[in-house]
Protein backbone atom coordinates (compact mmCIF):
# COMPACT_ATOMS: atom_id res chain seq x y z
CA UNK A 1 8.35 6.96 -12.40
CA UNK A 2 8.17 3.19 -11.96
CA UNK A 3 9.44 1.01 -9.12
CA UNK A 4 10.87 -2.49 -9.55
CA UNK A 5 10.98 -4.91 -6.62
CA UNK A 6 13.66 -7.60 -6.69
CA UNK A 7 14.59 -10.35 -4.23
CA UNK A 8 18.06 -10.12 -2.69
CA UNK A 9 20.22 -13.05 -1.59
CA UNK A 10 22.91 -11.58 0.67
CA UNK A 11 25.65 -13.58 2.32
CA UNK A 12 25.64 -13.92 6.09
CA UNK A 13 28.19 -11.13 6.39
CA UNK A 14 26.19 -8.85 4.09
CA UNK A 15 22.96 -9.61 5.99
CA UNK A 16 24.69 -8.60 9.23
CA UNK A 17 25.83 -5.34 7.66
CA UNK A 18 22.31 -4.58 6.41
CA UNK A 19 20.83 -5.40 9.82
CA UNK A 20 23.42 -3.12 11.46
CA UNK A 21 22.52 -0.37 8.98
CA UNK A 22 18.82 -0.66 9.83
CA UNK A 23 19.58 -0.58 13.56
CA UNK A 24 21.80 2.49 13.17
CA UNK A 25 19.08 4.25 11.16
CA UNK A 26 16.47 3.34 13.78
CA UNK A 27 18.55 4.77 16.63
CA UNK A 28 19.32 7.86 14.57
CA UNK A 29 15.61 8.34 13.85
CA UNK A 30 14.83 8.19 17.57
CA UNK A 31 17.63 10.64 18.40
CA UNK A 32 16.44 13.07 15.72
CA UNK A 33 12.85 12.81 16.96
CA UNK A 34 13.97 13.49 20.51
CA UNK A 35 16.06 16.47 19.36
CA UNK A 36 13.22 17.90 17.30
CA UNK A 37 10.72 17.44 20.14
CA UNK A 38 12.95 19.19 22.68
CA UNK A 39 14.54 21.94 20.58
CA UNK A 40 12.22 22.28 17.57
CA UNK A 41 15.14 21.83 15.16
CA UNK A 42 14.26 21.74 11.47
CA UNK A 43 15.36 19.24 8.86
CA UNK A 44 18.10 21.40 7.32
CA UNK A 45 19.54 22.06 10.80
CA UNK A 46 19.59 18.36 11.62
CA UNK A 47 21.24 17.50 8.32
CA UNK A 48 23.95 20.05 9.00
CA UNK A 49 24.52 18.70 12.52
CA UNK A 50 24.55 15.12 11.19
CA UNK A 51 27.72 15.87 9.24
CA UNK A 52 29.53 16.72 12.48
CA UNK A 53 28.12 13.75 14.42
CA UNK A 54 29.17 11.35 11.67
CA UNK A 55 32.84 12.29 12.18
CA UNK A 56 32.59 11.52 15.90
CA UNK A 57 30.42 8.37 15.84
CA UNK A 58 31.89 5.18 14.34
CA UNK A 59 28.46 3.61 13.88
CA UNK A 60 27.22 6.56 11.81
CA UNK A 61 30.48 6.57 9.86
CA UNK A 62 29.87 2.92 8.88
CA UNK A 63 26.68 3.92 7.01
CA UNK A 64 26.57 5.76 3.69
CA UNK A 65 26.02 9.48 4.26
CA UNK A 66 23.00 9.69 1.93
CA UNK A 67 21.29 6.84 3.79
CA UNK A 68 21.62 8.86 7.00
CA UNK A 69 20.28 11.98 5.32
CA UNK A 70 17.25 9.99 4.17
CA UNK A 71 16.48 9.25 7.83
CA UNK A 72 16.19 13.01 8.40
CA UNK A 73 13.88 13.21 5.40
CA UNK A 74 11.72 10.37 6.75
CA UNK A 75 11.25 12.16 10.05
CA UNK A 76 10.44 15.42 8.28
CA UNK A 77 7.98 13.54 6.10
CA UNK A 78 6.32 12.05 9.21
CA UNK A 79 5.93 15.55 10.67
CA UNK A 80 4.50 16.77 7.37
CA UNK A 81 1.92 13.96 7.38
CA UNK A 82 0.96 14.84 10.95
CA UNK A 83 0.49 18.54 10.20
CA UNK A 84 -1.49 17.66 7.05
CA UNK A 85 -3.87 15.62 9.21
CA UNK A 86 -2.97 12.31 7.56
CA UNK A 87 -1.33 10.51 10.49
CA UNK A 88 -0.61 10.67 14.19
CA UNK A 89 2.32 12.43 15.79
CA UNK A 90 5.63 10.64 14.99
CA UNK A 91 6.55 7.93 17.48
CA UNK A 92 9.85 6.48 18.59
CA UNK A 93 10.68 3.31 16.66
CA UNK A 94 11.20 0.27 18.83
CA UNK A 95 13.17 -2.72 17.62
CA UNK A 96 11.36 -4.44 14.74
CA UNK A 97 9.41 -1.32 13.71
CA UNK A 98 12.09 0.06 11.39
CA UNK A 99 12.83 -2.36 8.57
CA UNK A 100 14.28 -0.45 5.62
CA UNK A 101 16.84 2.10 4.52
CA UNK A 102 17.11 4.11 1.32
CA UNK A 103 19.83 5.27 -1.05
CA UNK A 104 18.21 8.46 -2.40
CA UNK A 105 20.69 8.87 -5.30
CA UNK A 106 22.34 6.47 -7.75
CA UNK A 107 25.74 7.34 -6.30
CA UNK A 108 25.13 4.94 -3.43
CA UNK A 109 24.06 1.98 -5.55
CA UNK A 110 24.32 0.54 -9.03
CA UNK A 111 23.64 -2.70 -10.86
CA UNK A 112 26.69 -4.74 -11.87
CA UNK A 113 25.67 -7.74 -13.94
CA UNK A 114 23.48 -9.94 -11.73
CA UNK A 115 24.48 -8.15 -8.55
CA UNK A 116 23.52 -4.94 -6.82
CA UNK A 117 26.39 -2.86 -5.49
CA UNK A 118 25.44 -1.11 -2.26
CA UNK A 119 27.81 1.41 -0.75
CA UNK A 120 29.33 0.26 2.59
CA UNK A 121 27.85 -3.23 2.04
CA UNK A 122 29.24 -4.62 -1.22
CA UNK A 123 27.98 -6.66 -4.17
CA UNK A 124 24.73 -8.39 -3.24
CA UNK A 125 23.21 -11.14 -5.38
CA UNK A 126 19.88 -10.04 -6.83
CA UNK A 127 17.20 -11.87 -8.82
CA UNK A 128 16.50 -9.59 -11.79
CA UNK A 129 13.33 -11.30 -12.96
CA UNK A 130 12.60 -8.55 -15.51
CA UNK A 131 14.66 -5.91 -17.31
CA UNK A 132 15.00 -2.44 -15.79
CA UNK A 133 13.99 0.44 -18.04
CA UNK A 134 14.78 4.08 -17.44
CA UNK A 135 17.28 6.03 -15.37
CA UNK A 136 17.94 4.81 -11.83
CA UNK A 137 16.73 7.23 -9.15
CA UNK A 138 16.47 5.61 -5.69
CA UNK A 139 16.96 2.22 -4.06
CA UNK A 140 15.23 1.09 -0.87
CA UNK A 141 16.41 -2.06 0.89
CA UNK A 142 13.59 -3.79 2.78
CA UNK A 143 13.85 -6.53 5.41
CA UNK A 144 10.81 -8.81 5.44
CA UNK A 145 11.42 -11.11 8.44
CA UNK A 146 14.13 -13.39 7.00
CA UNK A 147 14.05 -12.13 3.40
CA UNK A 148 15.53 -9.06 1.73
CA UNK A 149 14.19 -7.01 -1.17
CA UNK A 150 15.40 -4.05 -3.21
CA UNK A 151 12.85 -1.53 -4.51
CA UNK A 152 14.51 0.41 -7.33
CA UNK A 153 12.75 3.49 -8.68
CA UNK A 154 13.43 4.57 -12.25
CA UNK A 155 12.46 7.61 -14.30
CA UNK A 156 10.76 6.38 -17.47
CA UNK A 157 8.84 7.87 -20.34
CA UNK A 158 5.08 7.84 -19.90
CA UNK A 159 4.24 5.01 -22.27
CA UNK A 160 1.67 3.10 -20.23
CA UNK A 161 1.47 -0.63 -19.72
CA UNK A 162 -0.86 -1.71 -22.48
CA UNK A 163 -3.83 -0.54 -24.45
CA UNK A 164 -7.31 -0.89 -23.02
CA UNK A 165 -9.18 -3.99 -24.17
CA UNK A 166 -12.51 -2.17 -23.92
CA UNK A 167 -13.90 1.32 -23.49
CA UNK A 168 -16.85 0.43 -21.24
CA UNK A 169 -17.43 1.97 -17.81
CA UNK A 170 -18.19 -0.32 -14.88
CA UNK A 171 -19.44 0.04 -11.32
CA UNK A 172 -17.89 -2.11 -8.60
CA UNK A 173 -19.67 -3.10 -5.39
CA UNK A 174 -17.29 -4.68 -2.87
CA UNK A 175 -18.61 -6.96 -0.18
CA UNK A 176 -17.98 -9.92 2.08
CA UNK A 177 -20.03 -12.59 0.31
CA UNK A 178 -18.41 -11.70 -3.02
CA UNK A 179 -15.11 -9.87 -3.10
CA UNK A 180 -16.42 -7.61 -5.90
CA UNK A 181 -19.57 -7.55 -7.99
CA UNK A 182 -19.63 -5.63 -11.28
CA UNK A 183 -22.51 -3.75 -12.82
CA UNK A 184 -22.48 -6.08 -15.84
CA UNK A 185 -23.23 -9.07 -13.59
CA UNK A 186 -19.72 -10.49 -13.15
CA UNK A 187 -18.63 -11.43 -9.64
CA UNK A 188 -15.29 -12.25 -8.02
CA UNK A 189 -15.61 -14.73 -5.20
CA UNK A 190 -14.17 -13.73 -1.85
CA UNK A 191 -11.20 -16.11 -1.25
CA UNK A 192 -11.11 -15.52 2.56
CA UNK A 193 -7.40 -16.20 2.89
CA UNK A 194 -7.34 -15.59 6.63
CA UNK A 195 -9.76 -18.45 7.31
CA UNK A 196 -7.27 -20.88 5.75
CA UNK A 197 -4.49 -19.84 8.13
CA UNK A 198 -6.40 -18.79 11.23
CA UNK A 199 -5.96 -22.09 13.08
CA UNK A 200 -2.19 -22.05 12.65
CA UNK A 201 -2.03 -18.38 13.66
CA UNK A 202 -4.08 -19.04 16.80
CA UNK A 203 -1.87 -21.99 17.71
CA UNK A 204 1.30 -19.95 17.27
CA UNK A 205 -0.13 -17.07 19.28
CA UNK A 206 -0.91 -19.45 22.16
CA UNK A 207 2.62 -20.86 21.98
CA UNK A 208 4.05 -17.34 22.00
CA UNK A 209 2.05 -16.36 25.09
CA UNK A 210 3.51 -19.35 26.99
CA UNK A 211 7.16 -18.61 26.21
CA UNK A 212 9.30 -16.70 28.65
CA UNK A 213 10.12 -13.18 27.51
CA UNK A 214 13.58 -12.66 25.99
CA UNK A 215 14.06 -16.42 25.57
CA UNK A 216 15.35 -17.99 22.35
CA UNK A 217 12.24 -20.16 22.05
CA UNK A 218 10.04 -17.08 22.17
CA UNK A 219 12.05 -15.48 19.36
CA UNK A 220 11.67 -18.61 17.20
CA UNK A 221 7.90 -18.79 17.71
CA UNK A 222 7.61 -15.06 17.02
CA UNK A 223 9.35 -15.54 13.66
CA UNK A 224 7.06 -18.45 12.74
CA UNK A 225 4.01 -16.34 13.64
CA UNK A 226 5.27 -13.45 11.52
CA UNK A 227 5.77 -15.82 8.57
CA UNK A 228 2.20 -17.11 8.94
CA UNK A 229 0.87 -13.55 8.75
CA UNK A 230 3.19 -12.83 5.82
CA UNK A 231 1.66 -15.71 3.87
CA UNK A 232 -1.83 -14.25 4.34
CA UNK A 233 -0.62 -10.77 3.37
CA UNK A 234 0.98 -12.03 0.18
CA UNK A 235 -2.11 -14.01 -0.77
CA UNK A 236 -4.26 -10.91 -0.36
CA UNK A 237 -1.87 -8.75 -2.40
CA UNK A 238 -1.62 -11.32 -5.19
CA UNK A 239 -5.39 -11.63 -5.51
CA UNK A 240 -5.91 -7.85 -5.41
CA UNK A 241 -3.28 -7.41 -8.14
CA UNK A 242 -5.00 -9.94 -10.39
CA UNK A 243 -8.49 -8.46 -9.96
CA UNK A 244 -7.26 -4.86 -10.35
CA UNK A 245 -5.31 -5.75 -13.49
CA UNK A 246 -8.45 -7.26 -15.01
CA UNK A 247 -10.56 -4.23 -14.14
CA UNK A 248 -7.99 -1.73 -15.41
CA UNK A 249 -7.43 -3.55 -18.70
CA UNK A 250 -11.06 -4.28 -19.63
CA UNK A 251 -12.83 -1.08 -18.53
CA UNK A 252 -12.05 2.54 -19.34
CA UNK A 253 -13.76 3.92 -16.23
CA UNK A 254 -14.03 2.07 -12.92
CA UNK A 255 -16.36 3.46 -10.24
CA UNK A 256 -15.99 2.51 -6.57
CA UNK A 257 -17.79 3.53 -3.42
CA UNK A 258 -15.82 5.90 -1.21
CA UNK A 259 -16.07 3.65 1.83
CA UNK A 260 -14.70 4.85 5.18
CA UNK A 261 -12.95 1.59 6.00
CA UNK A 262 -11.33 2.81 9.29
CA UNK A 263 -14.81 3.56 10.59
CA UNK A 264 -16.23 0.26 9.35
CA UNK A 265 -13.66 -1.87 11.17
CA UNK A 266 -14.78 -0.38 14.49
CA UNK A 267 -17.51 -3.02 14.32
CA UNK A 268 -15.62 -5.87 15.99
CA UNK A 269 -17.97 -8.49 14.57
CA UNK A 270 -16.98 -7.64 10.99
CA UNK A 271 -13.54 -6.07 11.40
CA UNK A 272 -11.57 -9.24 10.67
CA UNK A 273 -13.62 -10.07 7.55
CA UNK A 274 -13.39 -6.51 6.25
CA UNK A 275 -9.62 -6.34 6.67
CA UNK A 276 -9.24 -9.76 5.04
CA UNK A 277 -11.19 -8.53 1.99
CA UNK A 278 -8.62 -5.74 1.29
CA UNK A 279 -11.06 -3.32 -0.35
CA UNK A 280 -8.72 -0.36 0.03
CA UNK A 281 -5.88 -2.27 -1.62
CA UNK A 282 -8.10 -3.09 -4.60
CA UNK A 283 -8.98 0.60 -5.06
CA UNK A 284 -5.36 1.76 -4.86
CA UNK A 285 -4.05 -0.85 -7.28
CA UNK A 286 -6.86 -0.28 -9.77
CA UNK A 287 -6.23 3.50 -9.67
CA UNK A 288 -2.60 3.43 -10.78
CA UNK A 289 -3.10 0.61 -13.28
CA UNK A 290 -6.06 2.38 -14.90
CA UNK A 291 -4.06 5.60 -15.09
CA UNK A 292 -1.18 3.91 -16.93
CA UNK A 293 -3.58 2.41 -19.43
CA UNK A 294 -5.34 5.69 -20.10
CA UNK A 295 -8.39 4.97 -17.93
CA UNK A 296 -9.63 6.50 -14.70
CA UNK A 297 -11.14 5.63 -11.32
CA UNK A 298 -14.05 7.54 -9.79
CA UNK A 299 -15.23 7.39 -6.17
CA UNK A 300 -18.84 8.11 -5.25
CA UNK A 301 -20.86 8.50 -2.07
CA UNK A 302 -21.95 5.01 -0.88
CA UNK A 303 -25.15 6.29 0.73
CA UNK A 304 -28.24 4.47 -0.52
CA UNK A 305 -26.58 2.40 -3.25
CA UNK A 306 -28.01 -0.85 -1.84
CA UNK A 307 -31.50 0.47 -1.11
CA UNK A 308 -32.14 2.39 -4.32
CA UNK A 309 -33.61 0.62 -7.35
CA UNK A 310 -31.32 0.85 -10.35
CA UNK A 311 -34.31 0.59 -12.70
CA UNK A 312 -36.69 3.31 -11.53
CA UNK A 313 -34.86 5.01 -8.66
CA UNK A 314 -37.38 4.05 -6.00
CA UNK A 315 -36.12 3.33 -2.49
CA UNK A 316 -36.60 -0.34 -1.56
CA UNK A 317 -35.53 -0.92 2.07
CA UNK A 318 -33.89 -4.28 2.73
CA UNK A 319 -31.86 -5.86 5.51
CA UNK A 320 -28.35 -7.25 5.23
CA UNK A 321 -29.71 -10.81 5.03
CA UNK A 322 -31.80 -10.05 1.93
CA UNK A 323 -29.67 -10.96 -1.08
CA UNK A 324 -32.25 -10.27 -3.82
CA UNK A 325 -33.48 -6.85 -4.91
CA UNK A 326 -37.19 -6.87 -5.80
CA UNK A 327 -38.73 -3.54 -6.72
CA UNK A 328 -42.54 -3.26 -6.33
CA UNK A 329 -42.63 -0.16 -8.55
CA UNK A 330 -41.00 -1.46 -11.73
CA UNK A 331 -40.92 -5.21 -10.93
CA UNK A 332 -37.14 -5.34 -11.34
CA UNK A 333 -35.69 -8.47 -9.73
CA UNK A 334 -31.94 -9.07 -9.61
CA UNK A 335 -29.09 -9.77 -7.25
CA UNK A 336 -28.69 -7.19 -4.50
CA UNK A 337 -24.99 -6.58 -5.25
CA UNK A 338 -25.57 -6.19 -9.00
CA UNK A 339 -28.25 -3.60 -8.27
CA UNK A 340 -25.83 -1.72 -6.01
CA UNK A 341 -23.08 -1.87 -8.65
CA UNK A 342 -25.43 -0.36 -11.24
CA UNK A 343 -26.32 2.46 -8.86
CA UNK A 344 -22.61 3.05 -8.23
CA UNK A 345 -21.95 3.23 -11.97
CA UNK A 346 -24.83 5.67 -12.52
CA UNK A 347 -23.59 7.91 -9.70
CA UNK A 348 -20.05 7.86 -11.12
CA UNK A 349 -21.16 8.80 -14.62
CA UNK A 350 -23.39 11.55 -13.22
CA UNK A 351 -20.47 12.97 -11.28
CA UNK A 352 -18.27 12.84 -14.38
CA UNK A 353 -20.86 14.76 -16.40
CA UNK A 354 -21.29 17.32 -13.64
CA UNK A 355 -17.54 17.93 -13.54
CA UNK A 356 -17.33 18.36 -17.29
CA UNK A 357 -14.48 16.66 -19.14
CA UNK A 358 -12.65 14.71 -16.39
CA UNK A 359 -8.90 14.49 -16.35
CA UNK A 360 -7.01 11.33 -15.49
CA UNK A 361 -5.77 10.83 -11.95
CA UNK A 362 -2.64 12.91 -11.64
CA UNK A 363 0.22 11.97 -9.32
CA UNK A 364 2.30 15.12 -9.29
CA UNK A 365 4.71 15.88 -6.48
CA UNK A 366 4.11 19.49 -5.60
CA UNK A 367 6.16 19.21 -2.41
CA UNK A 368 8.11 16.70 -0.41
CA UNK A 369 4.90 15.93 1.50
CA UNK A 370 2.89 15.27 -1.67
CA UNK A 371 3.00 11.44 -1.44
CA UNK A 372 0.92 11.51 1.79
CA UNK A 373 -1.56 14.06 0.45
CA UNK A 374 -1.69 12.15 -2.82
CA UNK A 375 -2.74 8.91 -1.12
CA UNK A 376 -5.59 10.72 0.59
CA UNK A 377 -6.74 12.65 -2.49
CA UNK A 378 -5.71 10.48 -5.45
CA UNK A 379 -9.26 9.36 -6.19
CA UNK A 380 -10.68 12.90 -5.99
CA UNK A 381 -8.41 14.48 -8.60
CA UNK A 382 -9.76 15.14 -12.08
């Protein structure tokens, strides 16, 4: 399964229809959540009742039936994630917190030349920047502030992206001074994208706080602020994609620390810098890219990787301000992050040997709740 993301260029009328569809799905989601909270109705019961409600409600009738059924699936998926311990209890979606809808089967959408036909909406201009391979499965329409995107999933043969350029293992130590330091001495500088936009974001946030609620000026400033944050988000994603592609293509095994990032950001002095570094995004992107190239990703316990000597194994205590590792036992002197990366690599290889012949990361869907469990356990599967 592979997903293609394409930019859409709808007309004003089509954009209004897509906005109306999102709003209808949001209200339906809230109604279904309220019904399930009060009565304990299950997904199949709500789908059956939805057929009756659609005949009586003109707003539901204006939306493709499969799109409405996907809303029931989303709610059921949210409950499944809650019961699996992966998220909080489902919440009601306020305006602006529901920004997509999905056609779960090809019957609701198809590609016609350079346009995407969406049921109940029409032919929407799409930028097909690369060819689509495989059988169409689902299509999700996403609203990103003032832009629209289509994420089209296709069933393809497992051919992989490209062959590995090397068969070497590597340990990766992520940090704030350097975005990532490798066990072979290479380092990726931390770009700190937020620092380049923080002044504009602060200015827009001050402007927003001064505007009267529900005023047109407040809405305009809110959009500009969202676009400023979107720029930072896209810069982070682009950089993480480039680094992960390099790691996945040049190394057969990539070893990361299993950092508990949600716990780390509780330190308010470092939270902003940690979130700006996007360590979790780098791990996730490297995992699926390594899998498609025939490699693997291993996570290890981060305890002691910075204090332990990679040469002799002795413990050399050092503070956060000490950037050089100097071992009095074996006289090894090298960069602190390189030493940590070597310890991470050694721990990963030791774990691989202890587990026997490791399998590649598998992404099977054993149930409709598997995507949530998969995100939590993807790096632990062998």
